[in-house]
């Protein structure tokens, strides 16, 4: 009986500590951690994935999207890229209190990243601690996760004052497959044309460097750049053959745009898609 009472006092003291940081009453027990990119107690990142071009700043909102009233504060827990800390320049608003908490609704300001090559996509994972409460319904807190994808493109070369004229190179069609930096072969077998206002049915197959069907989830974007409001995004699980079919709304006018995939923390261009009127 004494051991049980001692354990109960420890749990209550832990709850009081976090609740005091938030300015709330002590909660009865801890709460679970959210699945990355999902809502927790009605709170979520808007957007869940923020696409930026290098040199461009952005903002991720933290809101009680369901109006549950359980989450009243947030703070940045960690920011990592490729397994290493990468939070320099990130800020919260409104201005956080002495314990680092900002009220909900609020936002996280993402700083611009340097303009440099080679072409690639860098992914930053932001873990956000949420907590708070009102009335008699209090929570200790939990994590929600949002992502920032920074797209680096090839810099425009500086023209020389007296360029040497050379024969124009022979253009070859974009191959229907790419090889990622870690040796995975991504093949696109869907149509290379789509109609504006319609849908693109895109089928991919991914093979490991050992020649075996890959496993996991594939995320892709139709639009250049993927950060454009007209771009559409989709993801799905690879089947036993390493294949997945994704569907994209075609929001682009007549012309050409590009199809991208995300793999291993990087963004790759797979092919160009011709958009017909």
C-alpha atoms as a PDB file:
ATOM      1  CA  UNK A   1       0.000   0.000   0.000  1.00  0.00           C
ATOM      2  CA  UNK A   2       2.851   2.440   0.791  1.00  0.00           C
ATOM      3  CA  UNK A   3       4.547   1.673  -2.556  1.00  0.00           C
ATOM      4  CA  UNK A   4       1.297   2.384  -4.429  1.00  0.00           C
ATOM      5  CA  UNK A   5       0.866   5.730  -2.674  1.00  0.00           C
ATOM      6  CA  UNK A   6       4.479   6.705  -3.450  1.00  0.00           C
ATOM      7  CA  UNK A   7       4.024   5.888  -7.174  1.00  0.00           C
ATOM      8  CA  UNK A   8       0.811   7.959  -7.289  1.00  0.00           C
ATOM      9  CA  UNK A   9       2.599  10.972  -5.732  1.00  0.00           C
ATOM     10  CA  UNK A  10       5.403  10.776  -8.376  1.00  0.00           C
ATOM     11  CA  UNK A  11       2.875  10.748 -11.247  1.00  0.00           C
ATOM     12  CA  UNK A  12       0.982  13.733  -9.774  1.00  0.00           C
ATOM     13  CA  UNK A  13       4.219  15.742  -9.283  1.00  0.00           C
ATOM     14  CA  UNK A  14       5.273  15.150 -12.913  1.00  0.00           C
ATOM     15  CA  UNK A  15       1.870  16.373 -14.091  1.00  0.00           C
ATOM     16  CA  UNK A  16       2.083  19.498 -11.919  1.00  0.00           C
ATOM     17  CA  UNK A  17       5.506  20.414 -13.395  1.00  0.00           C
ATOM     18  CA  UNK A  18       4.352  20.472 -17.042  1.00  0.00           C
ATOM     19  CA  UNK A  19       0.989  22.016 -16.217  1.00  0.00           C
ATOM     20  CA  UNK A  20       2.701  24.880 -14.407  1.00  0.00           C
ATOM     21  CA  UNK A  21       4.790  25.587 -17.512  1.00  0.00           C
ATOM     22  CA  UNK A  22       1.553  25.930 -19.471  1.00  0.00           C
ATOM     23  CA  UNK A  23      -0.241  27.881 -16.780  1.00  0.00           C
ATOM     24  CA  UNK A  24      -2.826  25.059 -16.373  1.00  0.00           C
ATOM     25  CA  UNK A  25      -4.128  22.935 -13.501  1.00  0.00           C
ATOM     26  CA  UNK A  26      -2.267  19.639 -12.746  1.00  0.00           C
ATOM     27  CA  UNK A  27      -3.437  16.817 -15.091  1.00  0.00           C
ATOM     28  CA  UNK A  28      -4.319  13.289 -13.930  1.00  0.00           C
ATOM     29  CA  UNK A  29      -2.022  11.307 -16.321  1.00  0.00           C
ATOM     30  CA  UNK A  30       0.233  11.470 -19.387  1.00  0.00           C
ATOM     31  CA  UNK A  31      -1.153  11.274 -22.912  1.00  0.00           C
ATOM     32  CA  UNK A  32       0.108   9.420 -26.023  1.00  0.00           C
ATOM     33  CA  UNK A  33       2.299  10.754 -28.836  1.00  0.00           C
ATOM     34  CA  UNK A  34       0.651  11.438 -32.182  1.00  0.00           C
ATOM     35  CA  UNK A  35       1.549   9.601 -35.374  1.00  0.00           C
ATOM     36  CA  UNK A  36       3.734  11.949 -37.535  1.00  0.00           C
ATOM     37  CA  UNK A  37       1.574  14.242 -39.643  1.00  0.00           C
ATOM     38  CA  UNK A  38      -1.624  13.398 -37.740  1.00  0.00           C
ATOM     39  CA  UNK A  39      -3.771  15.338 -35.289  1.00  0.00           C
ATOM     40  CA  UNK A  40      -3.380  15.089 -31.523  1.00  0.00           C
ATOM     41  CA  UNK A  41      -6.247  16.239 -29.279  1.00  0.00           C
ATOM     42  CA  UNK A  42      -7.552  18.194 -32.281  1.00  0.00           C
ATOM     43  CA  UNK A  43      -4.258  20.060 -32.879  1.00  0.00           C
ATOM     44  CA  UNK A  44      -2.350  19.845 -36.176  1.00  0.00           C
ATOM     45  CA  UNK A  45       0.272  21.517 -38.390  1.00  0.00           C
ATOM     46  CA  UNK A  46      -1.037  23.533 -41.348  1.00  0.00           C
ATOM     47  CA  UNK A  47       0.329  22.496 -43.764  1.00  0.00           C
ATOM     48  CA  UNK A  48       1.667  19.106 -42.650  1.00  0.00           C
ATOM     49  CA  UNK A  49       4.360  19.331 -45.374  1.00  0.00           C
ATOM     50  CA  UNK A  50       5.702  22.795 -46.297  1.00  0.00           C
ATOM     51  CA  UNK A  51       7.496  22.973 -49.663  1.00  0.00           C
ATOM     52  CA  UNK A  52       9.986  25.835 -50.106  1.00  0.00           C
ATOM     53  CA  UNK A  53      12.558  26.756 -52.724  1.00  0.00           C
ATOM     54  CA  UNK A  54      16.048  27.625 -51.506  1.00  0.00           C
ATOM     55  CA  UNK A  55      16.198  31.266 -50.486  1.00  0.00           C
ATOM     56  CA  UNK A  56      12.482  31.278 -49.624  1.00  0.00           C
ATOM     57  CA  UNK A  57      11.090  31.629 -46.066  1.00  0.00           C
ATOM     58  CA  UNK A  58       7.799  30.122 -44.901  1.00  0.00           C
ATOM     59  CA  UNK A  59       5.431  29.530 -42.028  1.00  0.00           C
ATOM     60  CA  UNK A  60       3.699  26.513 -40.468  1.00  0.00           C
ATOM     61  CA  UNK A  61       0.595  27.205 -38.388  1.00  0.00           C
ATOM     62  CA  UNK A  62      -0.236  25.264 -35.222  1.00  0.00           C
ATOM     63  CA  UNK A  63      -3.999  25.262 -34.686  1.00  0.00           C
ATOM     64  CA  UNK A  64      -6.791  23.498 -32.829  1.00  0.00           C
ATOM     65  CA  UNK A  65      -8.398  22.492 -36.114  1.00  0.00           C
ATOM     66  CA  UNK A  66     -11.179  20.507 -34.451  1.00  0.00           C
ATOM     67  CA  UNK A  67     -12.036  23.182 -31.886  1.00  0.00           C
ATOM     68  CA  UNK A  68     -11.629  20.621 -29.085  1.00  0.00           C
ATOM     69  CA  UNK A  69     -10.201  23.184 -26.668  1.00  0.00           C
ATOM     70  CA  UNK A  70      -7.745  20.668 -25.176  1.00  0.00           C
ATOM     71  CA  UNK A  71      -4.568  22.139 -26.642  1.00  0.00           C
ATOM     72  CA  UNK A  72      -3.804  25.702 -25.563  1.00  0.00           C
ATOM     73  CA  UNK A  73      -0.035  25.894 -25.979  1.00  0.00           C
ATOM     74  CA  UNK A  74       2.904  24.591 -28.023  1.00  0.00           C
ATOM     75  CA  UNK A  75       6.659  24.764 -28.245  1.00  0.00           C
ATOM     76  CA  UNK A  76       9.332  23.424 -30.607  1.00  0.00           C
ATOM     77  CA  UNK A  77      10.804  20.220 -29.175  1.00  0.00           C
ATOM     78  CA  UNK A  78      13.391  19.505 -31.885  1.00  0.00           C
ATOM     79  CA  UNK A  79      14.270  20.145 -35.540  1.00  0.00           C
ATOM     80  CA  UNK A  80      16.405  17.576 -37.364  1.00  0.00           C
ATOM     81  CA  UNK A  81      17.608  16.863 -40.884  1.00  0.00           C
ATOM     82  CA  UNK A  82      19.336  13.621 -41.832  1.00  0.00           C
ATOM     83  CA  UNK A  83      19.509  12.657 -38.144  1.00  0.00           C
ATOM     84  CA  UNK A  84      21.317  15.860 -37.080  1.00  0.00           C
ATOM     85  CA  UNK A  85      19.989  18.969 -35.254  1.00  0.00           C
ATOM     86  CA  UNK A  86      19.010  21.719 -37.725  1.00  0.00           C
ATOM     87  CA  UNK A  87      16.904  24.281 -35.906  1.00  0.00           C
ATOM     88  CA  UNK A  88      18.948  27.461 -36.361  1.00  0.00           C
ATOM     89  CA  UNK A  89      16.798  30.449 -37.293  1.00  0.00           C
ATOM     90  CA  UNK A  90      13.389  28.892 -36.509  1.00  0.00           C
ATOM     91  CA  UNK A  91      11.090  31.001 -34.307  1.00  0.00           C
ATOM     92  CA  UNK A  92       7.652  30.752 -32.664  1.00  0.00           C
ATOM     93  CA  UNK A  93       4.825  33.252 -32.587  1.00  0.00           C
ATOM     94  CA  UNK A  94       3.174  34.609 -30.542  1.00  0.00           C
ATOM     95  CA  UNK A  95       6.278  35.278 -28.468  1.00  0.00           C
ATOM     96  CA  UNK A  96       6.886  32.294 -26.137  1.00  0.00           C
ATOM     97  CA  UNK A  97       6.893  32.634 -22.357  1.00  0.00           C
ATOM     98  CA  UNK A  98       9.933  32.013 -20.150  1.00  0.00           C
ATOM     99  CA  UNK A  99       9.419  28.243 -20.496  1.00  0.00           C
ATOM    100  CA  UNK A 100       9.295  28.352 -24.304  1.00  0.00           C
ATOM    101  CA  UNK A 101       5.501  27.960 -24.717  1.00  0.00           C
ATOM    102  CA  UNK A 102       3.419  29.954 -27.207  1.00  0.00           C
ATOM    103  CA  UNK A 103      -0.408  30.034 -27.165  1.00  0.00           C
ATOM    104  CA  UNK A 104      -2.521  28.190 -29.730  1.00  0.00           C
ATOM    105  CA  UNK A 105      -3.306  29.281 -32.431  1.00  0.00           C
ATOM    106  CA  UNK A 106       0.259  30.168 -33.316  1.00  0.00           C
ATOM    107  CA  UNK A 107       2.903  29.599 -35.936  1.00  0.00           C
ATOM    108  CA  UNK A 108       6.485  28.487 -36.557  1.00  0.00           C
ATOM    109  CA  UNK A 109       8.558  30.706 -38.840  1.00  0.00           C
ATOM    110  CA  UNK A 110      10.901  28.799 -41.173  1.00  0.00           C
ATOM    111  CA  UNK A 111      14.046  30.732 -42.191  1.00  0.00           C
ATOM    112  CA  UNK A 112      15.312  30.856 -45.795  1.00  0.00           C
ATOM    113  CA  UNK A 113      18.027  28.356 -46.660  1.00  0.00           C
ATOM    114  CA  UNK A 114      21.044  29.327 -48.805  1.00  0.00           C
ATOM    115  CA  UNK A 115      20.672  29.225 -52.572  1.00  0.00           C
ATOM    116  CA  UNK A 116      23.076  26.513 -53.724  1.00  0.00           C
ATOM    117  CA  UNK A 117      23.381  23.392 -55.869  1.00  0.00           C
ATOM    118  CA  UNK A 118      23.410  20.599 -56.824  1.00  0.00           C
ATOM    119  CA  UNK A 119      19.690  20.011 -57.450  1.00  0.00           C
ATOM    120  CA  UNK A 120      18.228  18.145 -54.479  1.00  0.00           C
ATOM    121  CA  UNK A 121      15.531  18.231 -51.833  1.00  0.00           C
ATOM    122  CA  UNK A 122      16.437  18.570 -48.134  1.00  0.00           C
ATOM    123  CA  UNK A 123      13.867  17.424 -45.558  1.00  0.00           C
ATOM    124  CA  UNK A 124      13.576  18.944 -42.062  1.00  0.00           C
ATOM    125  CA  UNK A 125      11.493  17.179 -39.376  1.00  0.00           C
ATOM    126  CA  UNK A 126       9.927  19.433 -36.724  1.00  0.00           C
ATOM    127  CA  UNK A 127       8.725  17.808 -33.489  1.00  0.00           C
ATOM    128  CA  UNK A 128       6.223  20.077 -31.720  1.00  0.00           C
ATOM    129  CA  UNK A 129       5.197  19.581 -28.091  1.00  0.00           C
ATOM    130  CA  UNK A 130       1.540  20.493 -27.412  1.00  0.00           C
ATOM    131  CA  UNK A 131      -0.360  20.680 -24.154  1.00  0.00           C
ATOM    132  CA  UNK A 132      -2.723  22.708 -22.029  1.00  0.00           C
ATOM    133  CA  UNK A 133      -6.429  22.509 -21.300  1.00  0.00           C
ATOM    134  CA  UNK A 134      -9.483  24.289 -19.982  1.00  0.00           C
ATOM    135  CA  UNK A 135     -12.157  23.650 -17.399  1.00  0.00           C
ATOM    136  CA  UNK A 136     -11.666  20.214 -15.844  1.00  0.00           C
ATOM    137  CA  UNK A 137     -10.326  18.524 -19.020  1.00  0.00           C
ATOM    138  CA  UNK A 138      -6.518  18.778 -18.900  1.00  0.00           C
ATOM    139  CA  UNK A 139      -3.748  16.961 -20.744  1.00  0.00           C
ATOM    140  CA  UNK A 140      -0.048  16.657 -20.008  1.00  0.00           C
ATOM    141  CA  UNK A 141       1.013  16.904 -23.640  1.00  0.00           C
ATOM    142  CA  UNK A 142       2.181  15.008 -26.683  1.00  0.00           C
ATOM    143  CA  UNK A 143       4.032  15.487 -29.946  1.00  0.00           C
ATOM    144  CA  UNK A 144       2.833  16.374 -33.436  1.00  0.00           C
ATOM    145  CA  UNK A 145       5.230  16.235 -36.376  1.00  0.00           C
ATOM    146  CA  UNK A 146       5.444  18.420 -39.480  1.00  0.00           C
ATOM    147  CA  UNK A 147       7.920  18.468 -42.369  1.00  0.00           C
ATOM    148  CA  UNK A 148       9.731  21.157 -44.372  1.00  0.00           C
ATOM    149  CA  UNK A 149      11.060  20.213 -47.828  1.00  0.00           C
ATOM    150  CA  UNK A 150      13.586  22.691 -49.269  1.00  0.00           C
ATOM    151  CA  UNK A 151      14.072  22.286 -53.032  1.00  0.00           C
ATOM    152  CA  UNK A 152      17.494  23.241 -54.372  1.00  0.00           C
ATOM    153  CA  UNK A 153      17.680  23.836 -58.122  1.00  0.00           C
ATOM    154  CA  UNK A 154      20.639  24.271 -60.435  1.00  0.00           C
ATOM    155  CA  UNK A 155      21.831  27.919 -60.321  1.00  0.00           C
ATOM    156  CA  UNK A 156      21.600  29.880 -63.566  1.00  0.00           C
ATOM    157  CA  UNK A 157      25.125  30.098 -65.034  1.00  0.00           C
ATOM    158  CA  UNK A 158      26.669  33.527 -65.593  1.00  0.00           C
ATOM    159  CA  UNK A 159      26.992  34.149 -69.357  1.00  0.00           C
ATOM    160  CA  UNK A 160      30.484  34.768 -70.707  1.00  0.00           C
ATOM    161  CA  UNK A 161      31.120  37.973 -72.678  1.00  0.00           C
ATOM    162  CA  UNK A 162      32.372  36.095 -75.773  1.00  0.00           C
ATOM    163  CA  UNK A 163      30.678  32.697 -75.797  1.00  0.00           C
ATOM    164  CA  UNK A 164      31.937  30.008 -78.129  1.00  0.00           C
ATOM    165  CA  UNK A 165      29.284  28.869 -80.557  1.00  0.00           C
ATOM    166  CA  UNK A 166      28.824  25.124 -80.598  1.00  0.00           C
ATOM    167  CA  UNK A 167      26.407  22.848 -82.417  1.00  0.00           C
ATOM    168  CA  UNK A 168      23.160  22.375 -80.548  1.00  0.00           C
ATOM    169  CA  UNK A 169      23.140  19.019 -78.721  1.00  0.00           C
ATOM    170  CA  UNK A 170      20.738  16.349 -79.858  1.00  0.00           C
ATOM    171  CA  UNK A 171      17.860  16.166 -77.387  1.00  0.00           C
ATOM    172  CA  UNK A 172      16.891  12.711 -76.191  1.00  0.00           C
ATOM    173  CA  UNK A 173      13.615  11.812 -74.495  1.00  0.00           C
ATOM    174  CA  UNK A 174      13.545  11.738 -70.714  1.00  0.00           C
ATOM    175  CA  UNK A 175      14.105   8.117 -69.639  1.00  0.00           C
ATOM    176  CA  UNK A 176      11.180   6.392 -67.920  1.00  0.00           C
ATOM    177  CA  UNK A 177      13.322   5.547 -64.908  1.00  0.00           C
ATOM    178  CA  UNK A 178      15.832   7.108 -62.523  1.00  0.00           C
ATOM    179  CA  UNK A 179      18.436   5.724 -60.133  1.00  0.00           C
ATOM    180  CA  UNK A 180      18.531   7.320 -56.690  1.00  0.00           C
ATOM    181  CA  UNK A 181      21.697   8.266 -54.887  1.00  0.00           C
ATOM    182  CA  UNK A 182      21.558   5.067 -52.803  1.00  0.00           C
ATOM    183  CA  UNK A 183      21.073   2.797 -55.830  1.00  0.00           C
ATOM    184  CA  UNK A 184      17.290   2.289 -55.959  1.00  0.00           C
ATOM    185  CA  UNK A 185      15.789   2.114 -59.473  1.00  0.00           C
ATOM    186  CA  UNK A 186      12.460   3.983 -59.810  1.00  0.00           C
ATOM    187  CA  UNK A 187      10.550   3.221 -62.997  1.00  0.00           C
ATOM    188  CA  UNK A 188       7.520   5.201 -64.152  1.00  0.00           C
ATOM    189  CA  UNK A 189       5.086   3.226 -66.319  1.00  0.00           C
ATOM    190  CA  UNK A 190       2.180   5.660 -66.411  1.00  0.00           C
ATOM    191  CA  UNK A 191       1.129   7.936 -69.290  1.00  0.00           C
ATOM    192  CA  UNK A 192       3.359  10.852 -70.258  1.00  0.00           C
ATOM    193  CA  UNK A 193       0.335  13.001 -71.128  1.00  0.00           C
ATOM    194  CA  UNK A 194      -2.651  14.226 -69.143  1.00  0.00           C
ATOM    195  CA  UNK A 195      -5.567  16.578 -69.732  1.00  0.00           C
ATOM    196  CA  UNK A 196      -5.928  19.786 -67.779  1.00  0.00           C
ATOM    197  CA  UNK A 197      -8.779  19.465 -65.305  1.00  0.00           C
ATOM    198  CA  UNK A 198      -8.542  15.664 -65.435  1.00  0.00           C
ATOM    199  CA  UNK A 199      -6.592  13.045 -63.435  1.00  0.00           C
ATOM    200  CA  UNK A 200      -3.230  11.389 -63.997  1.00  0.00           C
ATOM    201  CA  UNK A 201      -2.999   7.694 -63.121  1.00  0.00           C
ATOM    202  CA  UNK A 202       0.703   7.253 -62.330  1.00  0.00           C
ATOM    203  CA  UNK A 203       2.224   3.815 -61.731  1.00  0.00           C
ATOM    204  CA  UNK A 204       5.700   3.399 -60.248  1.00  0.00           C
ATOM    205  CA  UNK A 205       7.893   0.382 -59.532  1.00  0.00           C
ATOM    206  CA  UNK A 206      10.872   0.564 -57.189  1.00  0.00           C
ATOM    207  CA  UNK A 207      13.674  -2.026 -57.120  1.00  0.00           C
ATOM    208  CA  UNK A 208      16.411  -2.185 -54.484  1.00  0.00           C
ATOM    209  CA  UNK A 209      20.130  -2.107 -55.383  1.00  0.00           C
ATOM    210  CA  UNK A 210      20.031  -5.919 -54.983  1.00  0.00           C
ATOM    211  CA  UNK A 211      17.311  -6.232 -57.634  1.00  0.00           C
ATOM    212  CA  UNK A 212      14.509  -7.009 -55.179  1.00  0.00           C
ATOM    213  CA  UNK A 213      11.104  -5.285 -54.940  1.00  0.00           C
ATOM    214  CA  UNK A 214      11.299  -2.353 -52.531  1.00  0.00           C
ATOM    215  CA  UNK A 215       8.967  -1.987 -49.542  1.00  0.00           C
ATOM    216  CA  UNK A 216       7.397   0.980 -47.777  1.00  0.00           C
ATOM    217  CA  UNK A 217       5.536   4.143 -48.776  1.00  0.00           C
ATOM    218  CA  UNK A 218       6.126   6.256 -51.884  1.00  0.00           C
ATOM    219  CA  UNK A 219       5.239   9.962 -51.889  1.00  0.00           C
ATOM    220  CA  UNK A 220       5.063  11.885 -55.158  1.00  0.00           C
ATOM    221  CA  UNK A 221       4.075  15.309 -56.504  1.00  0.00           C
ATOM    222  CA  UNK A 222       2.776  16.506 -59.876  1.00  0.00           C
ATOM    223  CA  UNK A 223       3.806  20.104 -60.536  1.00  0.00           C
ATOM    224  CA  UNK A 224       6.919  22.187 -60.965  1.00  0.00           C
ATOM    225  CA  UNK A 225       7.842  23.264 -58.427  1.00  0.00           C
ATOM    226  CA  UNK A 226       6.021  20.984 -55.931  1.00  0.00           C
ATOM    227  CA  UNK A 227       5.565  24.044 -53.705  1.00  0.00           C
ATOM    228  CA  UNK A 228       3.278  25.686 -56.297  1.00  0.00           C
ATOM    229  CA  UNK A 229      -0.362  25.916 -55.089  1.00  0.00           C
ATOM    230  CA  UNK A 230      -1.424  24.158 -58.305  1.00  0.00           C
ATOM    231  CA  UNK A 231       0.731  21.112 -57.527  1.00  0.00           C
ATOM    232  CA  UNK A 232      -1.010  17.930 -56.348  1.00  0.00           C
ATOM    233  CA  UNK A 233       0.427  15.310 -54.006  1.00  0.00           C
ATOM    234  CA  UNK A 234      -0.248  11.635 -53.317  1.00  0.00           C
ATOM    235  CA  UNK A 235       1.308   8.696 -51.454  1.00  0.00           C
ATOM    236  CA  UNK A 236       0.731   4.974 -51.192  1.00  0.00           C
ATOM    237  CA  UNK A 237       2.164   1.648 -50.021  1.00  0.00           C
ATOM    238  CA  UNK A 238       4.279  -0.452 -52.393  1.00  0.00           C
ATOM    239  CA  UNK A 239       2.858  -3.921 -53.088  1.00  0.00           C
ATOM    240  CA  UNK A 240       4.750  -7.239 -53.112  1.00  0.00           C
ATOM    241  CA  UNK A 241       6.231  -6.378 -56.537  1.00  0.00           C
ATOM    242  CA  UNK A 242       7.384  -2.945 -55.399  1.00  0.00           C
ATOM    243  CA  UNK A 243       4.613  -1.261 -57.393  1.00  0.00           C
ATOM    244  CA  UNK A 244       2.114   1.464 -56.486  1.00  0.00           C
ATOM    245  CA  UNK A 245      -0.449   3.455 -58.483  1.00  0.00           C
ATOM    246  CA  UNK A 246      -1.093   7.062 -57.440  1.00  0.00           C
ATOM    247  CA  UNK A 247      -3.741   9.486 -58.710  1.00  0.00           C
ATOM    248  CA  UNK A 248      -3.124  13.198 -59.235  1.00  0.00           C
ATOM    249  CA  UNK A 249      -5.568  15.991 -60.012  1.00  0.00           C
ATOM    250  CA  UNK A 250      -4.261  17.909 -63.023  1.00  0.00           C
ATOM    251  CA  UNK A 251      -4.509  21.587 -62.086  1.00  0.00           C
ATOM    252  CA  UNK A 252      -2.003  22.837 -64.689  1.00  0.00           C
ATOM    253  CA  UNK A 253      -2.768  24.659 -67.960  1.00  0.00           C
ATOM    254  CA  UNK A 254      -1.680  23.254 -71.313  1.00  0.00           C
ATOM    255  CA  UNK A 255       2.093  22.813 -71.569  1.00  0.00           C
ATOM    256  CA  UNK A 256       4.529  20.647 -69.632  1.00  0.00           C
ATOM    257  CA  UNK A 257       5.128  20.040 -65.945  1.00  0.00           C
ATOM    258  CA  UNK A 258       7.173  17.567 -63.930  1.00  0.00           C
ATOM    259  CA  UNK A 259       6.590  14.500 -61.769  1.00  0.00           C
ATOM    260  CA  UNK A 260       8.640  14.186 -58.568  1.00  0.00           C
ATOM    261  CA  UNK A 261       9.115  11.485 -55.917  1.00  0.00           C
ATOM    262  CA  UNK A 262      10.510  11.657 -52.389  1.00  0.00           C
ATOM    263  CA  UNK A 263      13.003   8.957 -51.393  1.00  0.00           C
ATOM    264  CA  UNK A 264      15.543   8.676 -48.593  1.00  0.00           C
ATOM    265  CA  UNK A 265      15.046  12.254 -47.475  1.00  0.00           C
ATOM    266  CA  UNK A 266      15.563  13.678 -50.991  1.00  0.00           C
ATOM    267  CA  UNK A 267      13.317  14.793 -53.847  1.00  0.00           C
ATOM    268  CA  UNK A 268      13.929  13.433 -57.371  1.00  0.00           C
ATOM    269  CA  UNK A 269      12.484  14.426 -60.735  1.00  0.00           C
ATOM    270  CA  UNK A 270      11.206  11.274 -62.466  1.00  0.00           C
ATOM    271  CA  UNK A 271       9.867  12.587 -65.791  1.00  0.00           C
ATOM    272  CA  UNK A 272       8.032  15.382 -67.574  1.00  0.00           C
ATOM    273  CA  UNK A 273       4.285  15.236 -68.188  1.00  0.00           C
ATOM    274  CA  UNK A 274       2.674  16.965 -71.184  1.00  0.00           C
ATOM    275  CA  UNK A 275      -0.582  18.701 -70.268  1.00  0.00           C
ATOM    276  CA  UNK A 276      -3.132  18.851 -73.080  1.00  0.00           C
ATOM    277  CA  UNK A 277      -5.952  21.453 -73.141  1.00  0.00           C
END
